[in-house]
Amino acid sequence: MGNIPEQPVAQPSEKKLQNEQEQEIDLIALVKRLWKKKIFIIYVTGAFMFLGLLVALFSAKEYTSGTTFVPQSGGEGVSSSMSSLASLAGINLGNMGGGETLSPTVYPQLLSNVDFIKDLMYTPIQFEEWPEKITLFDYYTNEEYNKPTFFGTIKKYTIGLPGLIIGAISSKEDSSDSKMAAGSGLNTLTEDEYSCMKILTQQVSITINDKDGYIDLSARMPEAVASAELATAAFDLLEKYITEYKIQKAQFNLDYINERLEEARADFEKKQLAYAQYTDANRSTSSATARIDGNRLKQEYDLANTIFTELARQKVNAELQVKEDTPVLSVIKPIVVPVEKSKPKRAIILIAFTFLGGCLGCASVFGLDFIKHQGSEWPRKWKTEEEEDAEMGMNKEEVVA
């Protein structure tokens, strides 16, 4: 048998090996470059660490308070049991349907409702610094209560300066439009109310847990008691608006029946009095005309009595329907005054600024090298690796000489 030629073992291509070696060399070179500039990186990291320390120390405190609840309303079981109890009393509920259902997914949209926000911003809240309760509108718009912080002032006149200029220009242009809108009877907001609305929509939040079926409402304020009071006010208003929406159909029906019932009551009492007076006046009269008039008054009285009785029963039905349609927000976790502040998280701020400073310091080394390689003279004291090596070689030559 002839010898079978051996198959050559597959070897990695020289080009691939060369690329891998170049990548390793580049990575080592980058690390060496960063190590040479470690003092610069430490300075940058230290500066950001100091800045983070200032931010952590002077950031405004913030407390978060909230509640967890589950919305509930009357169902078919409640409706059937109510019908059974009402039938025992001779009341027929019939096929009166419940009010429209407000989906819990719509609850967060109430925070953008102008009427809801207005009610919330004019709710008195207790703050530690002032003995009397003040409204949130005054707290956020009146400089007597809302004293700007150091960082807030810097931010306002640096980052927020373009917004101040634009706002000053637009406020003059929109003042006439606001007056026209206010005179037309439309629902409007003043500039202060609008700014307060933007703050409150950030301070109050509603989160829906679709999986477990509960809803979280939370409120953030600079003080613990104020955060609990704001959460309580927001929850009470939320319950009020949900209830009004849910029972508005049944309440409208009840109001309509009450109006008709008062009319029927007045008519019934009038017919009752007329029939009684006629009976007393014609007690001894036996004429056919008197009997006919008496029967006519008796029929009018019976008809008025029937209408009044039926409307009274319908009123009971409507009242039961209102109670059945009234939603209940079952509180699972009640609102309590928080003990610990939720912000600022000083350790996280310090770590974040330190990490950011380290990354920015490393990036600055490569960025400044790139700028110098493009022939720029700035920064003058910055030297690339080649310049440093050349300077080191010259120093060595001088020492040897």
Protein backbone atom coordinates (compact mmCIF):
# COMPACT_ATOMS: atom_id res chain seq x y z
CA MET A 1 0.00 0.00 0.00
CA GLY A 2 1.18 3.48 -0.82
CA ASN A 3 1.91 5.91 1.91
CA ILE A 4 -1.02 8.23 2.62
CA PRO A 5 0.23 11.80 2.61
CA GLU A 6 -0.27 13.50 5.96
CA GLN A 7 -2.77 16.35 6.01
CA PRO A 8 -1.15 19.63 7.03
CA VAL A 9 -2.33 20.89 10.43
CA ALA A 10 -4.40 24.05 10.08
CA GLN A 11 -2.37 26.95 11.39
CA PRO A 12 -3.75 30.40 12.13
CA SER A 13 -2.89 32.86 9.44
CA GLU A 14 0.04 35.16 10.01
CA LYS A 15 -2.18 38.17 9.43
CA LYS A 16 -4.59 37.11 12.18
CA LEU A 17 -1.72 36.54 14.62
CA GLN A 18 -0.29 39.91 13.73
CA ASN A 19 -3.65 41.65 14.34
CA GLU A 20 -4.02 39.97 17.73
CA GLN A 21 -0.49 40.98 18.68
CA GLU A 22 -1.16 44.57 17.59
CA GLN A 23 -4.37 44.67 19.67
CA GLU A 24 -2.53 43.37 22.72
CA ILE A 25 0.26 45.89 22.15
CA ASP A 26 -2.27 48.73 21.72
CA LEU A 27 -4.10 47.74 24.92
CA ILE A 28 -0.85 47.58 26.88
CA ALA A 29 0.19 50.92 25.40
CA LEU A 30 -3.11 52.51 26.46
CA VAL A 31 -2.74 51.20 30.00
CA LYS A 32 0.84 52.47 30.15
CA ARG A 33 -0.28 55.86 28.88
CA LEU A 34 -2.95 56.09 31.58
CA TRP A 35 -0.40 55.03 34.18
CA LYS A 36 1.96 57.80 33.09
CA LYS A 37 -0.86 60.33 33.44
CA LYS A 38 -2.11 58.91 36.74
CA ILE A 39 -1.47 62.19 38.57
CA PHE A 40 -3.67 64.07 36.10
CA ILE A 41 -6.40 61.41 36.40
CA ILE A 42 -6.20 61.55 40.20
CA TYR A 43 -6.59 65.34 40.11
CA VAL A 44 -9.65 65.13 37.87
CA THR A 45 -11.16 62.33 39.97
CA GLY A 46 -10.45 64.25 43.17
CA ALA A 47 -12.10 67.39 41.75
CA PHE A 48 -15.24 65.45 40.85
CA MET A 49 -15.19 63.72 44.24
CA PHE A 50 -15.09 67.12 45.94
CA LEU A 51 -17.92 68.36 43.69
CA GLY A 52 -19.96 65.25 44.53
CA LEU A 53 -19.36 65.85 48.23
CA LEU A 54 -20.69 69.42 47.90
CA VAL A 55 -23.74 68.21 45.99
CA ALA A 56 -24.41 65.48 48.57
CA LEU A 57 -24.07 67.87 51.51
CA PHE A 58 -26.03 70.83 50.13
CA SER A 59 -28.77 69.02 48.19
CA ALA A 60 -32.24 69.63 49.59
CA LYS A 61 -33.70 66.91 51.79
CA GLU A 62 -36.70 65.04 50.53
CA TYR A 63 -39.14 62.73 52.26
CA THR A 64 -41.50 60.32 50.53
CA SER A 65 -44.82 59.17 51.94
CA GLY A 66 -47.45 57.07 50.23
CA THR A 67 -50.16 54.48 50.36
CA THR A 68 -51.09 51.25 48.60
CA PHE A 69 -54.76 50.59 47.79
CA VAL A 70 -57.04 48.42 45.69
CA PRO A 71 -60.10 49.95 43.94
CA GLN A 72 -63.34 48.05 44.49
CA SER A 73 -66.97 48.58 43.46
CA GLY A 74 -70.29 46.81 43.64
CA GLY A 75 -70.62 43.78 41.37
CA GLU A 76 -73.33 41.41 40.23
CA GLY A 77 -73.39 39.62 43.58
CA VAL A 78 -74.02 42.84 45.45
CA SER A 79 -76.66 43.90 42.91
CA SER A 80 -78.57 40.62 43.20
CA SER A 81 -78.49 40.66 47.00
CA MET A 82 -79.71 44.28 47.03
CA SER A 83 -82.56 43.31 44.70
CA SER A 84 -83.57 40.45 46.99
CA LEU A 85 -83.61 42.67 50.07
CA ALA A 86 -85.49 45.40 48.23
CA SER A 87 -88.15 42.94 47.01
CA LEU A 88 -88.91 41.99 50.62
CA ALA A 89 -89.79 45.63 51.26
CA GLY A 90 -91.96 45.80 48.15
CA ILE A 91 -89.37 47.73 46.14
CA ASN A 92 -88.49 46.66 42.61
CA LEU A 93 -84.99 47.68 41.55
CA GLY A 94 -85.67 46.56 37.99
CA ASN A 95 -82.78 46.65 35.55
CA MET A 96 -81.09 49.76 36.83
CA GLY A 97 -77.51 49.54 35.60
CA GLY A 98 -74.48 50.75 37.42
CA GLY A 99 -72.58 53.88 36.51
CA GLU A 100 -69.73 54.04 34.10
CA THR A 101 -66.58 52.30 35.28
CA LEU A 102 -63.43 54.39 35.56
CA SER A 103 -60.50 52.15 34.71
CA PRO A 104 -57.61 52.26 37.22
CA THR A 105 -55.24 52.82 34.29
CA VAL A 106 -56.77 56.30 33.98
CA TYR A 107 -55.94 57.26 37.58
CA PRO A 108 -52.48 58.72 36.73
CA GLN A 109 -54.15 60.99 34.15
CA LEU A 110 -56.01 62.73 36.95
CA LEU A 111 -52.70 64.32 37.93
CA SER A 112 -52.95 66.31 34.70
CA ASN A 113 -56.57 67.31 35.36
CA VAL A 114 -56.70 71.07 35.90
CA ASP A 115 -59.52 70.92 38.45
CA PHE A 116 -57.74 68.15 40.39
CA ILE A 117 -54.45 70.06 40.47
CA LYS A 118 -56.19 73.30 41.47
CA ASP A 119 -57.90 71.56 44.37
CA LEU A 120 -54.57 70.03 45.39
CA MET A 121 -52.49 73.22 45.13
CA TYR A 122 -54.95 75.15 47.31
CA THR A 123 -54.96 72.49 50.02
CA PRO A 124 -53.48 73.78 53.31
CA ILE A 125 -50.38 71.85 54.44
CA GLN A 126 -48.55 72.05 57.75
CA PHE A 127 -44.85 72.92 57.64
CA GLU A 128 -42.42 72.96 60.54
CA GLU A 129 -41.17 76.51 59.99
CA TRP A 130 -44.58 78.18 60.11
CA PRO A 131 -47.22 77.70 62.84
CA GLU A 132 -50.19 78.09 60.51
CA LYS A 133 -50.98 75.87 57.56
CA ILE A 134 -50.21 77.30 54.13
CA THR A 135 -51.36 76.22 50.70
CA LEU A 136 -49.01 74.49 48.30
CA PHE A 137 -49.60 77.33 45.84
CA ASP A 138 -48.21 79.87 48.33
CA TYR A 139 -45.39 77.53 49.34
CA TYR A 140 -44.09 77.18 45.77
CA THR A 141 -44.81 80.68 44.43
CA ASN A 142 -44.40 83.02 47.40
CA GLU A 143 -40.78 83.93 48.12
CA GLU A 144 -41.64 84.35 51.80
CA TYR A 145 -42.12 80.58 52.06
CA ASN A 146 -40.11 79.23 49.14
CA LYS A 147 -36.58 80.45 49.80
CA PRO A 148 -34.18 79.42 47.01
CA THR A 149 -31.26 77.17 47.95
CA PHE A 150 -27.63 77.85 47.05
CA PHE A 151 -27.54 75.24 44.27
CA GLY A 152 -31.01 76.26 43.15
CA THR A 153 -29.89 79.85 42.67
CA ILE A 154 -26.78 78.77 40.73
CA LYS A 155 -28.85 76.46 38.53
CA LYS A 156 -31.47 79.16 37.94
CA TYR A 157 -28.98 81.75 36.68
CA THR A 158 -26.70 79.37 34.76
CA ILE A 159 -28.47 76.40 33.21
CA GLY A 160 -31.91 77.95 33.61
CA LEU A 161 -30.95 81.42 32.37
CA PRO A 162 -32.16 80.82 28.78
CA GLY A 163 -35.47 79.60 30.17
CA LEU A 164 -35.82 82.75 32.30
CA ILE A 165 -35.22 84.98 29.29
CA ILE A 166 -37.64 83.04 27.08
CA GLY A 167 -40.21 82.97 29.88
CA ALA A 168 -39.99 86.73 30.41
CA ILE A 169 -40.51 87.37 26.70
CA SER A 170 -43.36 84.88 26.31
CA SER A 171 -45.15 86.10 29.45
CA LYS A 172 -45.48 89.58 27.96
CA GLU A 173 -46.75 88.19 24.67
CA ASP A 174 -49.27 85.83 26.27
CA SER A 175 -50.68 88.24 28.87
CA SER A 176 -53.36 89.56 26.50
CA ASP A 177 -54.36 86.03 25.47
CA SER A 178 -54.69 85.02 29.13
CA LYS A 179 -56.98 87.97 29.82
CA MET A 180 -59.16 87.09 26.84
CA ALA A 181 -59.37 83.43 27.94
CA ALA A 182 -60.25 84.43 31.51
CA GLY A 183 -62.98 86.77 30.25
CA SER A 184 -64.49 84.03 28.07
CA GLY A 185 -65.24 81.82 31.08
CA LEU A 186 -62.86 79.05 30.00
CA ASN A 187 -60.87 77.03 32.52
CA THR A 188 -57.49 78.78 32.67
CA LEU A 189 -54.31 78.76 34.74
CA THR A 190 -52.21 81.72 35.73
CA GLU A 191 -48.45 81.59 35.24
CA ASP A 192 -47.91 80.88 38.95
CA GLU A 193 -50.58 78.18 38.93
CA TYR A 194 -49.01 76.59 35.87
CA SER A 195 -45.55 76.54 37.45
CA CYS A 196 -47.05 75.08 40.64
CA MET A 197 -48.88 72.47 38.54
CA LYS A 198 -45.60 71.36 36.94
CA ILE A 199 -44.03 70.95 40.37
CA LEU A 200 -46.96 68.98 41.81
CA THR A 201 -47.09 66.59 38.85
CA GLN A 202 -43.50 65.70 39.73
CA GLN A 203 -44.05 65.59 43.49
CA VAL A 204 -47.11 63.30 43.35
CA SER A 205 -47.08 60.04 41.41
CA ILE A 206 -49.45 57.12 40.89
CA THR A 207 -48.05 53.72 39.91
CA ILE A 208 -50.23 50.80 38.82
CA ASN A 209 -49.18 47.20 39.40
CA ASP A 210 -51.12 45.32 36.72
CA LYS A 211 -49.77 41.95 37.78
CA ASP A 212 -50.84 42.05 41.44
CA GLY A 213 -53.75 44.46 40.99
CA TYR A 214 -52.82 47.22 43.42
CA ILE A 215 -52.01 50.91 43.04
CA ASP A 216 -49.30 52.97 44.76
CA LEU A 217 -49.70 56.68 45.44
CA SER A 218 -46.66 58.57 46.70
CA ALA A 219 -45.86 62.19 47.50
CA ARG A 220 -42.45 63.84 47.96
CA MET A 221 -41.84 66.94 50.06
CA PRO A 222 -38.89 68.58 51.87
CA GLU A 223 -40.46 67.73 55.26
CA ALA A 224 -41.74 64.43 56.64
CA VAL A 225 -45.10 65.67 57.98
CA ALA A 226 -45.74 67.72 54.84
CA SER A 227 -45.15 64.67 52.63
CA ALA A 228 -47.69 62.64 54.64
CA GLU A 229 -50.25 65.47 54.48
CA LEU A 230 -49.74 65.88 50.73
CA ALA A 231 -50.18 62.13 50.19
CA THR A 232 -53.37 62.19 52.30
CA ALA A 233 -54.77 65.18 50.40
CA ALA A 234 -53.96 63.60 47.03
CA PHE A 235 -55.58 60.30 48.07
CA ASP A 236 -58.73 62.03 49.35
CA LEU A 237 -59.06 64.05 46.14
CA LEU A 238 -58.45 60.95 44.04
CA GLU A 239 -61.21 59.11 45.89
CA LYS A 240 -63.53 62.10 45.49
CA TYR A 241 -63.01 62.41 41.73
CA ILE A 242 -63.29 58.65 41.17
CA THR A 243 -66.53 58.54 43.18
CA GLU A 244 -68.03 61.51 41.35
CA TYR A 245 -67.26 59.95 37.98
CA LYS A 246 -68.53 56.51 38.97
CA ILE A 247 -71.86 57.61 40.47
CA GLN A 248 -72.61 60.57 38.21
CA LYS A 249 -75.20 58.60 36.21
CA ALA A 250 -76.95 57.23 39.29
CA GLN A 251 -76.68 60.60 41.06
CA PHE A 252 -78.22 62.37 38.06
CA ASN A 253 -81.10 59.89 38.14
CA LEU A 254 -81.53 60.44 41.90
CA ASP A 255 -81.55 64.23 41.51
CA TYR A 256 -84.12 63.98 38.73
CA ILE A 257 -86.38 61.74 40.84
CA ASN A 258 -86.05 64.08 43.83
CA GLU A 259 -87.23 67.01 41.71
CA ARG A 260 -90.22 65.05 40.37
CA LEU A 261 -90.98 63.78 43.88
CA GLU A 262 -91.22 67.30 45.27
CA GLU A 263 -93.58 68.27 42.44
CA ALA A 264 -95.67 65.14 43.05
CA ARG A 265 -95.72 65.84 46.78
CA ALA A 266 -97.03 69.37 46.25
CA ASP A 267 -99.66 68.12 43.78
CA PHE A 268 -100.67 65.27 46.11
CA GLU A 269 -101.07 67.57 49.11
CA LYS A 270 -103.08 70.00 47.01
CA LYS A 271 -105.43 67.25 45.76
CA GLN A 272 -105.66 65.76 49.23
CA LEU A 273 -106.66 69.10 50.75
CA ALA A 274 -109.19 69.80 47.98
CA TYR A 275 -110.80 66.38 48.42
CA ALA A 276 -110.92 66.74 52.21
CA GLN A 277 -112.46 70.22 52.04
CA TYR A 278 -115.08 69.06 49.54
CA THR A 279 -115.95 66.04 51.68
CA ASP A 280 -116.37 68.20 54.78
CA ALA A 281 -118.49 70.74 52.91
CA ASN A 282 -120.82 68.16 51.29
CA ARG A 283 -121.13 65.66 54.12
CA SER A 284 -124.96 65.92 54.24
CA THR A 285 -125.49 66.51 50.51
CA SER A 286 -127.00 63.60 48.49
CA SER A 287 -127.29 65.20 45.05
CA ALA A 288 -125.89 63.41 41.98
CA THR A 289 -123.82 66.44 41.02
CA ALA A 290 -122.13 66.44 44.41
CA ARG A 291 -121.42 62.71 44.14
CA ILE A 292 -119.91 63.17 40.66
CA ASP A 293 -117.68 66.03 41.85
CA GLY A 294 -116.70 63.99 44.87
CA ASN A 295 -115.78 60.97 42.72
CA ARG A 296 -113.75 63.19 40.40
CA LEU A 297 -111.81 64.70 43.30
CA LYS A 298 -111.37 61.21 44.77
CA GLN A 299 -109.91 59.92 41.48
CA GLU A 300 -107.55 62.89 41.20
CA TYR A 301 -106.47 62.31 44.79
CA ASP A 302 -105.92 58.57 44.19
CA LEU A 303 -103.92 59.29 41.02
CA ALA A 304 -101.74 61.86 42.80
CA ASN A 305 -101.25 59.43 45.68
CA THR A 306 -100.21 56.65 43.28
CA ILE A 307 -97.71 58.89 41.47
CA PHE A 308 -96.29 60.16 44.76
CA THR A 309 -95.94 56.64 46.18
CA GLU A 310 -94.28 55.32 43.02
CA LEU A 311 -91.80 58.20 42.93
CA ALA A 312 -91.00 57.60 46.61
CA ARG A 313 -90.20 53.98 45.77
CA GLN A 314 -88.07 55.06 42.82
CA LYS A 315 -86.21 57.42 45.13
CA VAL A 316 -85.34 54.51 47.40
CA ASN A 317 -84.19 52.53 44.36
CA ALA A 318 -82.01 55.43 43.18
CA GLU A 319 -80.48 55.90 46.63
CA LEU A 320 -79.62 52.20 46.78
CA GLN A 321 -78.10 52.44 43.31
CA VAL A 322 -75.93 55.40 44.32
CA LYS A 323 -74.65 53.47 47.34
CA GLU A 324 -74.02 50.39 45.21
CA ASP A 325 -72.13 52.35 42.55
CA THR A 326 -69.98 54.22 45.08
CA PRO A 327 -66.45 52.79 44.69
CA VAL A 328 -64.32 51.87 47.68
CA LEU A 329 -60.55 52.28 47.71
CA SER A 330 -59.43 49.54 50.08
CA VAL A 331 -56.21 50.74 51.71
CA ILE A 332 -53.62 47.99 52.11
CA LYS A 333 -50.76 50.15 53.31
CA PRO A 334 -51.84 53.33 55.14
CA ILE A 335 -50.06 56.66 54.98
CA VAL A 336 -47.49 57.21 57.75
CA VAL A 337 -45.05 60.01 58.46
CA PRO A 338 -41.67 58.87 57.09
CA VAL A 339 -38.77 58.60 59.52
CA GLU A 340 -35.88 58.51 57.05
CA LYS A 341 -35.37 60.84 54.12
CA SER A 342 -35.53 59.42 50.61
CA LYS A 343 -33.14 61.97 49.11
CA PRO A 344 -30.34 62.83 48.83
CA LYS A 345 -28.56 59.46 48.86
CA ARG A 346 -25.17 60.89 49.74
CA ALA A 347 -23.15 57.68 49.37
CA ILE A 348 -24.55 57.00 45.89
CA ILE A 349 -23.95 60.61 44.81
CA LEU A 350 -20.34 60.50 46.02
CA ILE A 351 -19.67 57.16 44.31
CA ALA A 352 -21.31 58.33 41.07
CA PHE A 353 -19.30 61.56 40.93
CA THR A 354 -16.06 59.69 41.73
CA PHE A 355 -16.70 57.13 39.00
CA LEU A 356 -17.63 59.89 36.56
CA GLY A 357 -14.45 61.79 37.42
CA GLY A 358 -12.29 58.72 36.86
CA CYS A 359 -13.89 58.00 33.49
CA LEU A 360 -13.67 61.63 32.45
CA GLY A 361 -10.03 61.79 33.53
CA CYS A 362 -9.13 58.74 31.40
CA ALA A 363 -11.09 60.08 28.46
CA SER A 364 -9.42 63.48 28.81
CA VAL A 365 -5.97 61.89 28.46
CA PHE A 366 -6.81 60.37 25.09
CA GLY A 367 -8.81 63.45 24.04
CA LEU A 368 -5.96 65.85 24.75
CA ASP A 369 -3.50 63.52 23.00
CA PHE A 370 -5.75 63.53 19.94
CA ILE A 371 -5.97 67.35 19.98
CA LYS A 372 -2.20 67.70 20.20
CA HIS A 373 -1.70 65.18 17.40
CA GLN A 374 -3.87 67.41 15.19
CA GLY A 375 -1.29 70.16 15.52
CA SER A 376 -3.10 72.26 18.09
CA GLU A 377 -1.03 74.33 20.54
CA TRP A 378 -3.70 74.08 23.23
CA PRO A 379 -3.18 73.11 25.96
CA ARG A 380 0.38 74.37 25.98
CA LYS A 381 1.60 72.36 28.96
CA TRP A 382 0.15 69.08 27.69
CA LYS A 383 2.66 66.77 26.05
CA THR A 384 1.97 63.68 24.01
CA GLU A 385 3.71 60.40 24.64
CA GLU A 386 6.12 61.00 21.76
CA GLU A 387 7.00 64.45 23.09
CA GLU A 388 7.58 63.06 26.56
CA ASP A 389 9.80 60.26 25.17
CA ALA A 390 11.76 62.75 23.08
CA GLU A 391 12.21 65.05 26.08
CA MET A 392 13.31 62.10 28.20
CA GLY A 393 15.87 61.09 25.55
CA MET A 394 17.27 64.60 25.43
CA ASN A 395 17.58 64.64 29.19
CA LYS A 396 19.48 61.34 29.10
CA GLU A 397 21.86 62.69 26.45
CA GLU A 398 22.52 65.76 28.55
CA VAL A 399 23.26 63.59 31.56
CA VAL A 400 25.68 61.40 29.55
CA ALA A 401 27.40 64.44 28.09
